[in-house]
Every structure is written in structure tokens, then in C-alpha cells.
PDB file of N, CA and C in Angstrom:
ATOM      1  N   UNK A   1      41.385 -32.852  65.803  1.00  0.00           N
ATOM      2  CA  UNK A   1      42.056 -32.528  64.574  1.00  0.00           C
ATOM      3  C   UNK A   1      42.254 -33.842  63.825  1.00  0.00           C
ATOM      4  N   UNK A   2      41.756 -33.915  62.633  1.00  0.00           N
ATOM      5  CA  UNK A   2      41.910 -35.105  61.804  1.00  0.00           C
ATOM      6  C   UNK A   2      42.859 -34.786  60.659  1.00  0.00           C
ATOM      7  N   UNK A   3      43.915 -35.581  60.558  1.00  0.00           N
ATOM      8  CA  UNK A   3      44.860 -35.463  59.447  1.00  0.00           C
ATOM      9  C   UNK A   3      44.607 -36.669  58.555  1.00  0.00           C
ATOM     10  N   UNK A   4      44.169 -36.424  57.347  1.00  0.00           N
ATOM     11  CA  UNK A   4      43.803 -37.473  56.414  1.00  0.00           C
ATOM     12  C   UNK A   4      44.813 -37.518  55.281  1.00  0.00           C
ATOM     13  N   UNK A   5      45.408 -38.686  55.059  1.00  0.00           N
ATOM     14  CA  UNK A   5      46.352 -38.872  53.966  1.00  0.00           C
ATOM     15  C   UNK A   5      45.715 -39.796  52.947  1.00  0.00           C
ATOM     16  N   UNK A   6      45.490 -39.283  51.756  1.00  0.00           N
ATOM     17  CA  UNK A   6      44.944 -40.081  50.662  1.00  0.00           C
ATOM     18  C   UNK A   6      46.107 -40.534  49.795  1.00  0.00           C
ATOM     19  N   UNK A   7      46.221 -41.842  49.614  1.00  0.00           N
ATOM     20  CA  UNK A   7      47.336 -42.391  48.856  1.00  0.00           C
ATOM     21  C   UNK A   7      46.806 -43.181  47.664  1.00  0.00           C
ATOM     22  N   UNK A   8      47.189 -42.759  46.482  1.00  0.00           N
ATOM     23  CA  UNK A   8      46.823 -43.474  45.263  1.00  0.00           C
ATOM     24  C   UNK A   8      48.103 -44.022  44.659  1.00  0.00           C
ATOM     25  N   UNK A   9      48.122 -45.312  44.409  1.00  0.00           N
ATOM     26  CA  UNK A   9      49.313 -45.960  43.899  1.00  0.00           C
ATOM     27  C   UNK A   9      49.847 -45.239  42.668  1.00  0.00           C
ATOM     28  N   UNK A  10      51.145 -44.968  42.692  1.00  0.00           N
ATOM     29  CA  UNK A  10      51.798 -44.298  41.576  1.00  0.00           C
ATOM     30  C   UNK A  10      51.737 -42.781  41.621  1.00  0.00           C
ATOM     31  N   UNK A  11      51.056 -42.239  42.629  1.00  0.00           N
ATOM     32  CA  UNK A  11      50.881 -40.781  42.693  1.00  0.00           C
ATOM     33  C   UNK A  11      51.591 -40.151  43.889  1.00  0.00           C
ATOM     34  N   UNK A  12      52.429 -40.896  44.544  1.00  0.00           N
ATOM     35  CA  UNK A  12      53.155 -40.344  45.690  1.00  0.00           C
ATOM     36  C   UNK A  12      54.487 -41.070  45.831  1.00  0.00           C
ATOM     37  N   UNK A  13      55.359 -40.440  46.571  1.00  0.00           N
ATOM     38  CA  UNK A  13      56.655 -41.049  46.877  1.00  0.00           C
ATOM     39  C   UNK A  13      56.662 -41.405  48.354  1.00  0.00           C
ATOM     40  N   UNK A  14      57.025 -42.642  48.647  1.00  0.00           N
ATOM     41  CA  UNK A  14      57.015 -43.115  50.035  1.00  0.00           C
ATOM     42  C   UNK A  14      57.902 -42.245  50.925  1.00  0.00           C
ATOM     43  N   UNK A  15      59.000 -41.765  50.385  1.00  0.00           N
ATOM     44  CA  UNK A  15      59.897 -40.901  51.167  1.00  0.00           C
ATOM     45  C   UNK A  15      59.175 -39.622  51.600  1.00  0.00           C
ATOM     46  N   UNK A  16      58.353 -39.058  50.730  1.00  0.00           N
ATOM     47  CA  UNK A  16      57.606 -37.839  51.049  1.00  0.00           C
ATOM     48  C   UNK A  16      56.543 -38.137  52.108  1.00  0.00           C
ATOM     49  N   UNK A  17      55.888 -39.285  51.999  1.00  0.00           N
ATOM     50  CA  UNK A  17      54.887 -39.681  52.990  1.00  0.00           C
ATOM     51  C   UNK A  17      55.545 -39.810  54.360  1.00  0.00           C
ATOM     52  N   UNK A  18      56.716 -40.432  54.408  1.00  0.00           N
ATOM     53  CA  UNK A  18      57.434 -40.593  55.671  1.00  0.00           C
ATOM     54  C   UNK A  18      57.847 -39.240  56.249  1.00  0.00           C
ATOM     55  N   UNK A  19      58.293 -38.325  55.384  1.00  0.00           N
ATOM     56  CA  UNK A  19      58.680 -36.986  55.848  1.00  0.00           C
ATOM     57  C   UNK A  19      57.471 -36.241  56.413  1.00  0.00           C
ATOM     58  N   UNK A  20      56.324 -36.366  55.755  1.00  0.00           N
ATOM     59  CA  UNK A  20      55.111 -35.709  56.244  1.00  0.00           C
ATOM     60  C   UNK A  20      54.675 -36.296  57.582  1.00  0.00           C
ATOM     61  N   UNK A  21      54.799 -37.603  57.727  1.00  0.00           N
ATOM     62  CA  UNK A  21      54.438 -38.240  58.983  1.00  0.00           C
ATOM     63  C   UNK A  21      55.363 -37.768  60.109  1.00  0.00           C
ATOM     64  N   UNK A  22      56.639 -37.611  59.812  1.00  0.00           N
ATOM     65  CA  UNK A  22      57.571 -37.101  60.816  1.00  0.00           C
ATOM     66  C   UNK A  22      57.224 -35.662  61.199  1.00  0.00           C
ATOM     67  N   UNK A  23      56.823 -34.856  60.221  1.00  0.00           N
ATOM     68  CA  UNK A  23      56.383 -33.484  60.514  1.00  0.00           C
ATOM     69  C   UNK A  23      55.175 -33.493  61.450  1.00  0.00           C
ATOM     70  N   UNK A  24      54.243 -34.401  61.203  1.00  0.00           N
ATOM     71  CA  UNK A  24      53.068 -34.510  62.071  1.00  0.00           C
ATOM     72  C   UNK A  24      53.488 -34.907  63.481  1.00  0.00           C
ATOM     73  N   UNK A  25      54.389 -35.879  63.594  1.00  0.00           N
ATOM     74  CA  UNK A  25      54.874 -36.296  64.913  1.00  0.00           C
ATOM     75  C   UNK A  25      55.551 -35.137  65.633  1.00  0.00           C
ATOM     76  N   UNK A  26      56.328 -34.334  64.912  1.00  0.00           N
ATOM     77  CA  UNK A  26      56.987 -33.175  65.522  1.00  0.00           C
ATOM     78  C   UNK A  26      55.959 -32.161  66.008  1.00  0.00           C
ATOM     79  N   UNK A  27      54.920 -31.937  65.217  1.00  0.00           N
ATOM     80  CA  UNK A  27      53.856 -31.005  65.603  1.00  0.00           C
ATOM     81  C   UNK A  27      53.174 -31.490  66.876  1.00  0.00           C
ATOM     82  N   UNK A  28      52.804 -32.766  66.895  1.00  0.00           N
ATOM     83  CA  UNK A  28      52.118 -33.313  68.067  1.00  0.00           C
ATOM     84  C   UNK A  28      53.023 -33.225  69.299  1.00  0.00           C
ATOM     85  N   UNK A  29      54.303 -33.504  69.124  1.00  0.00           N
ATOM     86  CA  UNK A  29      55.241 -33.401  70.245  1.00  0.00           C
ATOM     87  C   UNK A  29      55.318 -31.971  70.773  1.00  0.00           C
ATOM     88  N   UNK A  30      55.163 -30.993  69.881  1.00  0.00           N
ATOM     89  CA  UNK A  30      55.229 -29.587  70.298  1.00  0.00           C
ATOM     90  C   UNK A  30      54.031 -29.181  71.150  1.00  0.00           C
ATOM     91  N   UNK A  31      52.977 -29.988  71.129  1.00  0.00           N
ATOM     92  CA  UNK A  31      51.779 -29.684  71.916  1.00  0.00           C
ATOM     93  C   UNK A  31      51.957 -30.043  73.385  1.00  0.00           C
ATOM     94  N   UNK A  32      53.011 -30.780  73.695  1.00  0.00           N
ATOM     95  CA  UNK A  32      53.268 -31.182  75.072  1.00  0.00           C
ATOM     96  C   UNK A  32      52.676 -32.545  75.357  1.00  0.00           C
ATOM     97  N   UNK A  33      52.543 -32.843  76.618  1.00  0.00           N
ATOM     98  CA  UNK A  33      52.039 -34.140  77.053  1.00  0.00           C
ATOM     99  C   UNK A  33      50.514 -34.110  77.037  1.00  0.00           C
ATOM    100  N   UNK A  34      49.900 -35.117  76.417  1.00  0.00           N
ATOM    101  CA  UNK A  34      48.428 -35.135  76.403  1.00  0.00           C
ATOM    102  C   UNK A  34      47.871 -35.401  77.797  1.00  0.00           C
ATOM    103  N   UNK A  35      46.626 -34.999  77.997  1.00  0.00           N
ATOM    104  CA  UNK A  35      45.948 -35.302  79.252  1.00  0.00           C
ATOM    105  C   UNK A  35      45.731 -36.810  79.327  1.00  0.00           C
ATOM    106  N   UNK A  36      45.300 -37.296  80.474  1.00  0.00           N
ATOM    107  CA  UNK A  36      45.197 -38.735  80.679  1.00  0.00           C
ATOM    108  C   UNK A  36      44.244 -39.421  79.699  1.00  0.00           C
ATOM    109  N   UNK A  37      43.281 -38.704  79.157  1.00  0.00           N
ATOM    110  CA  UNK A  37      42.348 -39.317  78.203  1.00  0.00           C
ATOM    111  C   UNK A  37      42.802 -39.149  76.752  1.00  0.00           C
ATOM    112  N   UNK A  38      44.023 -38.628  76.553  1.00  0.00           N
ATOM    113  CA  UNK A  38      44.561 -38.490  75.207  1.00  0.00           C
ATOM    114  C   UNK A  38      44.281 -37.158  74.534  1.00  0.00           C
ATOM    115  N   UNK A  39      43.553 -36.284  75.198  1.00  0.00           N
ATOM    116  CA  UNK A  39      43.278 -34.968  74.638  1.00  0.00           C
ATOM    117  C   UNK A  39      44.473 -34.055  74.833  1.00  0.00           C
ATOM    118  N   UNK A  40      44.570 -33.092  73.946  1.00  0.00           N
ATOM    119  CA  UNK A  40      45.555 -32.020  74.074  1.00  0.00           C
ATOM    120  C   UNK A  40      44.801 -30.733  74.354  1.00  0.00           C
ATOM    121  N   UNK A  41      45.514 -29.793  74.974  1.00  0.00           N
ATOM    122  CA  UNK A  41      44.939 -28.480  75.226  1.00  0.00           C
ATOM    123  C   UNK A  41      45.540 -27.513  74.237  1.00  0.00           C
ATOM    124  N   UNK A  42      44.696 -26.712  73.594  1.00  0.00           N
ATOM    125  CA  UNK A  42      45.157 -25.764  72.597  1.00  0.00           C
ATOM    126  C   UNK A  42      45.945 -24.644  73.263  1.00  0.00           C
ATOM    127  N   UNK A  43      47.250 -24.526  72.926  1.00  0.00           N
ATOM    128  CA  UNK A  43      48.069 -23.480  73.547  1.00  0.00           C
ATOM    129  C   UNK A  43      47.447 -22.093  73.359  1.00  0.00           C
ATOM    130  N   UNK A  44      47.379 -21.357  74.430  1.00  0.00           N
ATOM    131  CA  UNK A  44      46.814 -20.011  74.381  1.00  0.00           C
ATOM    132  C   UNK A  44      45.307 -19.975  74.584  1.00  0.00           C
ATOM    133  N   UNK A  45      44.658 -21.144  74.539  1.00  0.00           N
ATOM    134  CA  UNK A  45      43.208 -21.238  74.722  1.00  0.00           C
ATOM    135  C   UNK A  45      42.929 -22.372  75.717  1.00  0.00           C
ATOM    136  N   UNK A  46      43.066 -22.103  77.001  1.00  0.00           N
ATOM    137  CA  UNK A  46      42.992 -23.164  78.011  1.00  0.00           C
ATOM    138  C   UNK A  46      41.656 -23.908  78.056  1.00  0.00           C
ATOM    139  N   UNK A  47      40.595 -23.336  77.481  1.00  0.00           N
ATOM    140  CA  UNK A  47      39.290 -24.002  77.537  1.00  0.00           C
ATOM    141  C   UNK A  47      38.995 -24.830  76.281  1.00  0.00           C
ATOM    142  N   UNK A  48      39.975 -24.960  75.369  1.00  0.00           N
ATOM    143  CA  UNK A  48      39.773 -25.747  74.149  1.00  0.00           C
ATOM    144  C   UNK A  48      40.671 -26.984  74.197  1.00  0.00           C
ATOM    145  N   UNK A  49      40.038 -28.134  74.255  1.00  0.00           N
ATOM    146  CA  UNK A  49      40.745 -29.415  74.241  1.00  0.00           C
ATOM    147  C   UNK A  49      40.415 -30.130  72.941  1.00  0.00           C
ATOM    148  N   UNK A  50      41.358 -30.936  72.461  1.00  0.00           N
ATOM    149  CA  UNK A  50      41.118 -31.643  71.200  1.00  0.00           C
ATOM    150  C   UNK A  50      41.963 -32.899  71.126  1.00  0.00           C
ATOM    151  N   UNK A  51      41.588 -33.775  70.230  1.00  0.00           N
ATOM    152  CA  UNK A  51      42.342 -34.994  69.938  1.00  0.00           C
ATOM    153  C   UNK A  51      43.051 -34.812  68.609  1.00  0.00           C
ATOM    154  N   UNK A  52      44.106 -35.565  68.397  1.00  0.00           N
ATOM    155  CA  UNK A  52      44.805 -35.586  67.114  1.00  0.00           C
ATOM    156  C   UNK A  52      44.719 -37.016  66.591  1.00  0.00           C
ATOM    157  N   UNK A  53      44.227 -37.159  65.371  1.00  0.00           N
ATOM    158  CA  UNK A  53      44.101 -38.470  64.753  1.00  0.00           C
ATOM    159  C   UNK A  53      44.628 -38.418  63.326  1.00  0.00           C
ATOM    160  N   UNK A  54      45.391 -39.428  62.938  1.00  0.00           N
ATOM    161  CA  UNK A  54      45.901 -39.521  61.581  1.00  0.00           C
ATOM    162  C   UNK A  54      45.346 -40.782  60.943  1.00  0.00           C
ATOM    163  N   UNK A  55      44.807 -40.639  59.731  1.00  0.00           N
ATOM    164  CA  UNK A  55      44.236 -41.768  59.006  1.00  0.00           C
ATOM    165  C   UNK A  55      44.823 -41.777  57.603  1.00  0.00           C
ATOM    166  N   UNK A  56      45.309 -42.940  57.170  1.00  0.00           N
ATOM    167  CA  UNK A  56      45.778 -43.119  55.795  1.00  0.00           C
ATOM    168  C   UNK A  56      44.730 -43.923  55.037  1.00  0.00           C
ATOM    169  N   UNK A  57      44.387 -43.449  53.834  1.00  0.00           N
ATOM    170  CA  UNK A  57      43.410 -44.130  53.013  1.00  0.00           C
ATOM    171  C   UNK A  57      44.014 -44.395  51.647  1.00  0.00           C
ATOM    172  N   UNK A  58      44.025 -45.651  51.238  1.00  0.00           N
ATOM    173  CA  UNK A  58      44.455 -46.004  49.887  1.00  0.00           C
ATOM    174  C   UNK A  58      43.253 -45.845  48.960  1.00  0.00           C
ATOM    175  N   UNK A  59      43.438 -45.017  47.938  1.00  0.00           N
ATOM    176  CA  UNK A  59      42.334 -44.773  47.000  1.00  0.00           C
ATOM    177  C   UNK A  59      42.645 -45.348  45.640  1.00  0.00           C
TER     178      UNK A  59
END
């Protein structure tokens, strides 16, 4: 799962970016403890594993 944040100067509020990042952290925490290689298992689908990555891009 890739979460991409595009940030253009003057088009966002830092407080909102921080709130969104906290929401992402809460979501990831709800997935439980990752496996030793950093993968998570999709709840309800034991055969689906995935990674979570967040990238911020200044545009």
C-alpha cells in the first residue's frame, strides 16, 4: 500500500498534514504487529500480505 502526499507550497496547511500523518499511523497500528520482514497481513484474508509505505513529494 503506497500513501503518496503531494505538497505544493501555499496549497496546504501543515497542521492538516500532521493530522493526516497521525491518521495513517493510527491505521497502521490497527493492523497489528508486522511480520519480521515488515509485511502486514490483511485482516480477514490470511493469504494476502502487504507493505505500507508513505512518501511525501514537494511539487
